[in-house]
Amino acid sequence: MILEKLEAIYNHWVEVDEQIKDPNIVSDMKKYVKLTKEYKELEEIVKVYHEYKNLLENIKSAKEILQTENDEELRDFAKSELEESEQKKIKMEEDIRILLIPADPEDSKNAVMEIRAGTGGDEASIFAGDLFRMYMKYIESRNWKTEIISVSEGTAGGYKEIIFNVIGDKVYGSLKYESGVHRVQRVPQTETQGRVHTSAATVAVLPEADEFDIELKMSDIRKDTYCSSGPGGQSVNTTYSAIRLTHIPSGIVVTCQDEKSQLKNLDKAMSVLRTRLYDMEYKKHLDDISSRRKTMVSTGDRSAKIRTYNYPQGRVTEHRIGLTLYNLQSIVDGDIQQIIDALQLAENAERLKESME
C-alpha cells in the first residue's frame, strides 16, 4: 500500500520533470513557477521512495538466503540483517505516513508578521517589544531575513504595533503556530509595590501572497502619501515618502513608511495589501480545518489565548497542547523551536488521524 502510493508520487514527479522542460511551459511563467515549486516539494518524497525500495529489496534478499543457504555463517548474517531491516522498516513506514499527509501549500511561503499590544497599557507595548526581540533572535538562528513594514512605538518602550516580512525557506510553515494571543505575567517596570500584572499582545502570521495568488486592480485602490514619522534621518517630516493604500471593495487599509523612497514603500504596501486580501480567503480554509480538529493547533481564530509567559515562576505554558516548560529565559531569547516542534507533532498526529478516517 505504502509502496504503491510512493510509486504513484514518483511517476508524477517524472511527469512534472518532463513538463518543466517543455518550451510551452517555460514561456508561461505562472505555470512554470508552480511546477518548479511542486518538483522541489516532491523531491524529498522521491528520495525516501528510493530508500524504502532498497530496504524492501534487502529484506527480500535476506529472506531468500535464509530459505536457500545452508552455510551457517551466511545464515546468521542474513538473520541479523533481516531483523535490523524489519525494525528500520517499521520506523520508516511511520515517517512515510506523516510525509504522505498532503502538505499545506502555504507552508513554503514567506510570512508577514504583525505584533500588536493588547490589554495592559504601557506594559503590553513593552511585552510586544519583547516578543519582537524573541522572534528576531529565532529568525536569526534560522538564517532568515526580515523587512520592517511599519512601526508604531509605545510611549514607555516597545511597540503598540510592528509589522514585518520574514523571508526564507518554509517560513510560514514554522511561524504560523505563533498566531494568537500571547499573555505575560510579571511585575511591570512601572509597578512600585511589586505586584504581578497580566498583560497581552496579539501575534498574526500571514502567508505572503505573490502576484500569482492575488490579482490587484489599481482602479480599486486609493493611494495617499504623507510625511514619515519616527527614525529615518533628515528626510523625516520633509518628504512625502510614506504610503497609505485603501482597498475600496474590502475597506482594508495598509500603510508603509519604513523606506525613504516612496516607490519602495509602495512596493512593500502593495505586498502587504495582497497578503491581507489573500489571508481573508485563507482564513476561511483555516476555520474549516479547526472546525474538524480537536487540538486547534493551526487555527483561524487569532483571538484565542495560546501561550502564557510567567516570569515569577520562570514558566512558559503552551495552552493548545498543555505543554509547560521551565526555561522561560532561553525561550524569550529566541529558543522557540522546541515549542514549534511539539506543535507540529500534535498537528501531524491530528492530520494523520484525519487522513485515516
Protein backbone atom coordinates (compact mmCIF):
# COMPACT_ATOMS: atom_id res chain seq x y z
CA MET A 1 0.00 0.00 0.00
CA ILE A 2 2.73 2.47 1.01
CA LEU A 3 4.93 1.36 -1.90
CA GLU A 4 2.05 1.89 -4.35
CA LYS A 5 1.49 5.43 -3.06
CA LEU A 6 5.20 6.21 -3.28
CA GLU A 7 5.40 4.79 -6.82
CA ALA A 8 2.45 6.96 -7.89
CA ILE A 9 4.21 10.05 -6.48
CA TYR A 10 7.47 9.06 -8.22
CA ASN A 11 5.66 8.69 -11.57
CA HIS A 12 4.02 12.10 -11.08
CA TRP A 13 7.43 13.62 -10.24
CA VAL A 14 8.82 12.23 -13.53
CA GLU A 15 5.85 13.82 -15.38
CA VAL A 16 6.45 17.18 -13.69
CA ASP A 17 10.14 16.96 -14.63
CA GLU A 18 9.17 16.43 -18.28
CA GLN A 19 6.67 19.32 -18.19
CA ILE A 20 9.27 21.74 -16.79
CA LYS A 21 11.47 21.04 -19.84
CA ASP A 22 8.59 21.76 -22.25
CA PRO A 23 9.23 25.10 -24.07
CA ASN A 24 5.50 25.95 -23.91
CA ILE A 25 5.56 25.66 -20.12
CA VAL A 26 8.79 27.68 -19.79
CA SER A 27 7.11 30.56 -21.65
CA ASP A 28 4.15 30.50 -19.21
CA MET A 29 5.79 31.96 -16.09
CA LYS A 30 2.82 31.34 -13.77
CA LYS A 31 2.67 27.64 -14.66
CA TYR A 32 6.46 27.27 -14.68
CA VAL A 33 6.81 28.71 -11.15
CA LYS A 34 4.02 26.42 -9.89
CA LEU A 35 5.60 23.29 -11.45
CA THR A 36 9.16 24.01 -10.26
CA LYS A 37 7.79 24.52 -6.75
CA GLU A 38 5.90 21.20 -6.96
CA TYR A 39 9.01 19.44 -8.32
CA LYS A 40 11.09 20.64 -5.38
CA GLU A 41 8.43 19.60 -2.84
CA LEU A 42 8.10 16.08 -4.35
CA GLU A 43 11.89 15.57 -4.42
CA GLU A 44 12.02 14.74 -0.70
CA ILE A 45 9.36 12.01 -1.07
CA VAL A 46 11.13 10.61 -4.18
CA LYS A 47 14.36 10.33 -2.18
CA VAL A 48 12.50 8.43 0.57
CA TYR A 49 10.84 6.22 -2.11
CA HIS A 50 14.28 5.04 -3.35
CA GLU A 51 15.47 4.40 0.23
CA TYR A 52 12.29 2.44 1.07
CA LYS A 53 12.52 0.42 -2.16
CA ASN A 54 16.16 -0.51 -1.39
CA LEU A 55 15.14 -1.52 2.14
CA LEU A 56 12.41 -3.84 0.79
CA GLU A 57 14.98 -5.38 -1.61
CA ASN A 58 17.34 -6.03 1.33
CA ILE A 59 14.53 -7.74 3.27
CA LYS A 60 13.67 -9.86 0.24
CA SER A 61 17.34 -10.87 -0.31
CA ALA A 62 17.82 -11.77 3.36
CA LYS A 63 14.69 -13.96 3.31
CA GLU A 64 15.90 -15.75 0.16
CA ILE A 65 19.28 -16.50 1.78
CA LEU A 66 17.54 -17.99 4.84
CA GLN A 67 15.38 -20.19 2.59
CA THR A 68 18.13 -21.43 0.25
CA GLU A 69 21.51 -21.29 2.03
CA ASN A 70 22.99 -23.96 4.31
CA ASP A 71 26.11 -22.01 5.30
CA GLU A 72 25.55 -21.16 8.99
CA GLU A 73 27.76 -18.05 8.94
CA LEU A 74 25.89 -16.66 5.92
CA ARG A 75 22.54 -17.55 7.50
CA ASP A 76 23.48 -15.75 10.77
CA PHE A 77 24.48 -12.67 8.81
CA ALA A 78 21.20 -12.76 6.82
CA LYS A 79 19.18 -13.24 10.02
CA SER A 80 20.86 -10.27 11.68
CA GLU A 81 20.38 -8.17 8.51
CA LEU A 82 16.69 -9.14 8.33
CA GLU A 83 15.98 -8.21 11.97
CA GLU A 84 17.70 -4.85 11.56
CA SER A 85 15.90 -4.12 8.27
CA GLU A 86 12.48 -5.11 9.66
CA GLN A 87 12.95 -2.70 12.59
CA LYS A 88 14.06 0.04 10.21
CA LYS A 89 11.01 -0.67 8.01
CA ILE A 90 8.57 -0.14 10.92
CA LYS A 91 10.17 3.22 11.81
CA MET A 92 10.42 4.28 8.16
CA GLU A 93 6.75 3.49 7.47
CA GLU A 94 5.69 5.68 10.42
CA ASP A 95 7.73 8.56 8.98
CA ILE A 96 6.38 7.95 5.46
CA ARG A 97 2.75 8.06 6.66
CA ILE A 98 3.38 11.56 8.04
CA LEU A 99 5.32 12.54 4.91
CA LEU A 100 2.38 11.42 2.75
CA ILE A 101 -0.08 13.70 4.57
CA PRO A 102 -0.88 16.39 1.98
CA ALA A 103 1.29 19.40 2.79
CA ASP A 104 -0.29 22.79 3.29
CA PRO A 105 0.82 24.62 0.11
CA GLU A 106 1.17 27.79 2.19
CA ASP A 107 3.91 26.29 4.38
CA SER A 108 6.68 27.02 1.87
CA LYS A 109 5.78 30.72 1.64
CA ASN A 110 7.40 33.73 3.27
CA ALA A 111 5.36 35.33 6.06
CA VAL A 112 4.08 38.71 7.16
CA MET A 113 4.12 39.04 10.96
CA GLU A 114 2.04 41.57 12.88
CA ILE A 115 2.59 42.11 16.62
CA ARG A 116 0.17 44.39 18.47
CA ALA A 117 -0.02 45.43 22.12
CA GLY A 118 -3.25 44.24 23.72
CA THR A 119 -4.62 44.80 27.22
CA GLY A 120 -2.20 46.15 29.83
CA GLY A 121 -1.29 49.68 28.74
CA ASP A 122 2.43 50.51 28.60
CA GLU A 123 3.37 47.06 29.87
CA ALA A 124 1.56 45.47 26.88
CA SER A 125 3.67 47.60 24.49
CA ILE A 126 6.85 46.59 26.34
CA PHE A 127 5.78 42.93 26.07
CA ALA A 128 5.08 43.36 22.31
CA GLY A 129 8.69 44.61 22.07
CA ASP A 130 9.91 41.53 23.97
CA LEU A 131 8.03 39.25 21.55
CA PHE A 132 9.55 41.09 18.58
CA ARG A 133 13.03 40.59 20.06
CA MET A 134 12.27 36.88 20.66
CA TYR A 135 11.23 36.39 17.04
CA MET A 136 14.24 38.35 15.73
CA LYS A 137 16.56 36.02 17.68
CA TYR A 138 14.73 32.94 16.36
CA ILE A 139 14.72 34.25 12.77
CA GLU A 140 18.46 34.95 13.04
CA SER A 141 19.08 31.37 14.21
CA ARG A 142 17.26 30.10 11.09
CA ASN A 143 19.26 32.40 8.76
CA TRP A 144 16.06 34.04 7.52
CA LYS A 145 15.81 37.72 6.63
CA THR A 146 13.39 40.42 7.79
CA GLU A 147 12.00 43.64 6.32
CA ILE A 148 10.19 46.13 8.56
CA ILE A 149 6.93 47.39 7.02
CA SER A 150 5.59 49.76 9.67
CA VAL A 151 6.24 50.64 13.30
CA SER A 152 4.23 52.41 16.00
CA GLU A 153 6.33 52.74 19.14
CA GLY A 154 4.98 52.54 22.69
CA THR A 155 5.20 55.60 24.96
CA ALA A 156 7.27 53.70 27.58
CA GLY A 157 9.18 51.46 25.15
CA GLY A 158 8.31 48.50 22.97
CA TYR A 159 5.65 48.77 20.28
CA LYS A 160 1.96 49.50 20.00
CA GLU A 161 2.23 47.75 16.63
CA ILE A 162 5.02 46.41 14.42
CA ILE A 163 4.58 44.71 11.03
CA PHE A 164 7.41 42.98 9.21
CA ASN A 165 8.16 40.47 6.44
CA VAL A 166 10.10 37.26 7.13
CA ILE A 167 11.88 35.83 4.09
CA GLY A 168 13.43 32.36 3.88
CA ASP A 169 12.82 28.65 3.34
CA LYS A 170 9.45 27.35 4.62
CA VAL A 171 9.00 30.36 6.90
CA TYR A 172 5.20 30.25 7.18
CA GLY A 173 5.24 26.50 7.93
CA SER A 174 7.17 27.22 11.15
CA LEU A 175 5.88 30.62 12.24
CA LYS A 176 2.15 30.01 11.60
CA TYR A 177 1.85 28.40 15.06
CA GLU A 178 2.63 31.77 16.67
CA SER A 179 -0.71 33.34 15.63
CA GLY A 180 -2.89 34.16 18.61
CA VAL A 181 -2.89 35.98 21.96
CA HIS A 182 0.35 35.80 23.99
CA ARG A 183 0.00 36.61 27.69
CA VAL A 184 2.67 37.75 30.15
CA GLN A 185 2.54 37.61 33.95
CA ARG A 186 5.23 39.68 35.69
CA VAL A 187 5.92 42.76 37.82
CA PRO A 188 5.88 45.69 35.36
CA GLN A 189 8.69 48.27 35.37
CA THR A 190 6.08 50.89 36.27
CA GLU A 191 4.79 48.94 39.31
CA THR A 192 6.06 50.36 42.62
CA GLN A 193 4.54 47.80 45.02
CA GLY A 194 5.90 44.65 43.35
CA ARG A 195 2.53 43.28 42.26
CA VAL A 196 2.35 40.80 39.36
CA HIS A 197 0.27 42.08 36.44
CA THR A 198 -1.13 40.25 33.43
CA SER A 199 -0.73 41.88 30.02
CA ALA A 200 -1.24 40.62 26.49
CA ALA A 201 -0.12 41.09 22.89
CA THR A 202 -1.54 39.57 19.73
CA VAL A 203 0.55 37.99 17.00
CA ALA A 204 -0.78 37.41 13.49
CA VAL A 205 1.26 35.41 10.97
CA LEU A 206 0.03 35.58 7.39
CA PRO A 207 1.33 33.62 4.38
CA GLU A 208 2.81 36.17 1.98
CA ALA A 209 0.82 36.30 -1.24
CA ASP A 210 2.69 36.68 -4.51
CA GLU A 211 1.42 38.25 -7.71
CA PHE A 212 0.14 34.88 -8.93
CA ASP A 213 -2.09 34.42 -5.86
CA ILE A 214 -3.96 37.74 -5.94
CA GLU A 215 -4.59 39.99 -8.91
CA LEU A 216 -4.95 43.59 -7.76
CA LYS A 217 -6.70 46.23 -9.85
CA MET A 218 -5.20 49.67 -9.33
CA SER A 219 -8.66 51.11 -10.03
CA ASP A 220 -9.79 49.51 -6.73
CA ILE A 221 -7.00 51.18 -4.71
CA ARG A 222 -6.80 54.73 -3.36
CA LYS A 223 -3.22 55.86 -2.77
CA ASP A 224 -2.35 58.64 -0.28
CA THR A 225 1.11 59.97 0.54
CA TYR A 226 2.20 61.66 3.75
CA CYS A 227 5.33 62.57 5.74
CA SER A 228 7.08 59.78 7.61
CA SER A 229 7.40 59.88 11.39
CA GLY A 230 9.94 58.24 13.65
CA PRO A 231 13.51 57.10 12.79
CA GLY A 232 14.73 57.76 9.26
CA GLY A 233 17.21 60.63 9.13
CA GLN A 234 16.82 64.08 7.65
CA SER A 235 14.06 63.13 5.22
CA VAL A 236 11.58 62.52 8.06
CA ASN A 237 8.71 65.03 8.07
CA THR A 238 10.12 66.76 4.97
CA THR A 239 9.31 64.38 2.09
CA TYR A 240 6.04 62.66 1.30
CA SER A 241 7.60 59.17 1.19
CA ALA A 242 5.08 57.32 3.42
CA ILE A 243 2.28 55.47 1.65
CA ARG A 244 -1.30 54.68 2.67
CA LEU A 245 -3.27 52.30 0.44
CA THR A 246 -7.02 51.83 0.80
CA HIS A 247 -8.57 48.85 -0.98
CA ILE A 248 -12.04 50.24 -1.70
CA PRO A 249 -14.00 46.93 -2.18
CA SER A 250 -12.77 45.39 1.12
CA GLY A 251 -12.01 48.53 3.15
CA ILE A 252 -8.51 47.20 4.02
CA VAL A 253 -6.02 49.98 4.78
CA VAL A 254 -2.24 49.42 4.60
CA THR A 255 0.49 51.92 5.49
CA CYS A 256 4.24 51.75 4.95
CA GLN A 257 6.77 54.38 5.98
CA ASP A 258 9.93 52.41 6.67
CA GLU A 259 11.77 53.32 3.46
CA LYS A 260 12.91 56.83 2.46
CA SER A 261 11.82 56.09 -1.12
CA GLN A 262 8.11 56.44 -1.92
CA LEU A 263 8.46 53.77 -4.63
CA LYS A 264 9.93 51.23 -2.19
CA ASN A 265 7.21 51.99 0.36
CA LEU A 266 4.59 51.49 -2.38
CA ASP A 267 6.06 48.08 -3.30
CA LYS A 268 6.01 46.95 0.34
CA ALA A 269 2.48 48.29 0.92
CA MET A 270 1.21 46.53 -2.23
CA SER A 271 2.77 43.27 -1.00
CA VAL A 272 1.06 43.58 2.41
CA LEU A 273 -2.28 44.51 0.80
CA ARG A 274 -2.05 41.47 -1.48
CA THR A 275 -1.27 39.32 1.58
CA ARG A 276 -4.20 40.72 3.63
CA LEU A 277 -6.66 40.03 0.78
CA TYR A 278 -5.24 36.54 0.29
CA ASP A 279 -5.46 35.97 4.04
CA MET A 280 -9.22 36.66 4.03
CA GLU A 281 -9.68 33.63 1.77
CA TYR A 282 -7.07 31.54 3.56
CA LYS A 283 -8.73 32.20 6.93
CA LYS A 284 -11.91 30.50 5.64
CA HIS A 285 -9.75 27.44 4.92
CA LEU A 286 -8.28 27.56 8.47
CA ASP A 287 -11.74 27.93 10.02
CA ASP A 288 -12.88 24.85 8.10
CA ILE A 289 -9.87 22.88 9.39
CA SER A 290 -10.31 23.99 13.02
CA SER A 291 -13.98 23.01 12.95
CA ARG A 292 -12.87 19.40 12.29
CA ARG A 293 -9.88 19.21 14.64
CA LYS A 294 -9.75 19.00 18.40
CA THR A 295 -6.21 20.27 19.02
CA MET A 296 -6.83 23.66 17.34
CA VAL A 297 -3.07 23.86 16.72
CA SER A 298 -3.32 25.71 13.43
CA THR A 299 -6.48 27.76 13.59
CA GLY A 300 -8.10 30.76 12.00
CA ASP A 301 -9.14 32.06 15.44
CA ARG A 302 -6.40 34.59 16.16
CA SER A 303 -8.22 35.87 19.25
CA ALA A 304 -7.53 32.59 21.09
CA LYS A 305 -5.11 32.68 24.06
CA ILE A 306 -2.27 30.38 23.00
CA ARG A 307 0.66 30.95 25.39
CA THR A 308 1.49 32.38 28.82
CA TYR A 309 4.92 33.62 29.88
CA ASN A 310 5.05 33.59 33.70
CA TYR A 311 8.19 35.41 34.94
CA PRO A 312 7.89 34.83 38.74
CA GLN A 313 7.88 31.05 38.13
CA GLY A 314 10.17 31.09 35.04
CA ARG A 315 7.44 29.16 33.25
CA VAL A 316 6.02 29.12 29.71
CA THR A 317 2.70 27.34 29.12
CA GLU A 318 1.55 26.41 25.61
CA HIS A 319 -2.21 26.10 26.15
CA ARG A 320 -3.14 24.36 22.88
CA ILE A 321 -1.28 21.16 23.72
CA GLY A 322 -0.90 21.51 27.51
CA LEU A 323 2.90 21.88 27.30
CA THR A 324 4.69 23.52 30.26
CA LEU A 325 8.38 24.44 30.12
CA TYR A 326 10.55 25.96 32.86
CA ASN A 327 13.18 27.64 30.67
CA LEU A 328 11.44 30.99 30.15
CA GLN A 329 14.66 32.99 29.72
CA SER A 330 16.02 30.84 26.87
CA ILE A 331 12.58 30.93 25.18
CA VAL A 332 12.31 34.73 25.27
CA ASP A 333 15.91 34.73 23.97
CA GLY A 334 14.63 33.02 20.81
CA ASP A 335 14.74 29.30 21.64
CA ILE A 336 11.18 28.59 20.49
CA GLN A 337 11.99 25.68 18.15
CA GLN A 338 11.13 23.12 20.87
CA ILE A 339 7.62 24.62 21.14
CA ILE A 340 7.18 24.71 17.35
CA ASP A 341 8.35 21.07 17.09
CA ALA A 342 5.82 19.98 19.74
CA LEU A 343 3.01 21.86 17.97
CA GLN A 344 3.97 20.36 14.59
CA LEU A 345 3.99 16.89 16.16
CA ALA A 346 0.49 17.45 17.60
CA GLU A 347 -0.82 18.75 14.29
CA ASN A 348 0.72 15.85 12.33
CA ALA A 349 -0.94 13.37 14.69
CA GLU A 350 -4.27 15.13 14.13
CA ARG A 351 -3.81 15.23 10.35
CA LEU A 352 -2.75 11.57 10.25
CA LYS A 353 -5.87 10.60 12.16
CA GLU A 354 -7.92 12.74 9.76
CA SER A 355 -6.39 11.10 6.67
CA MET A 356 -7.11 7.58 8.00
CA GLU A 357 -10.79 8.22 8.78
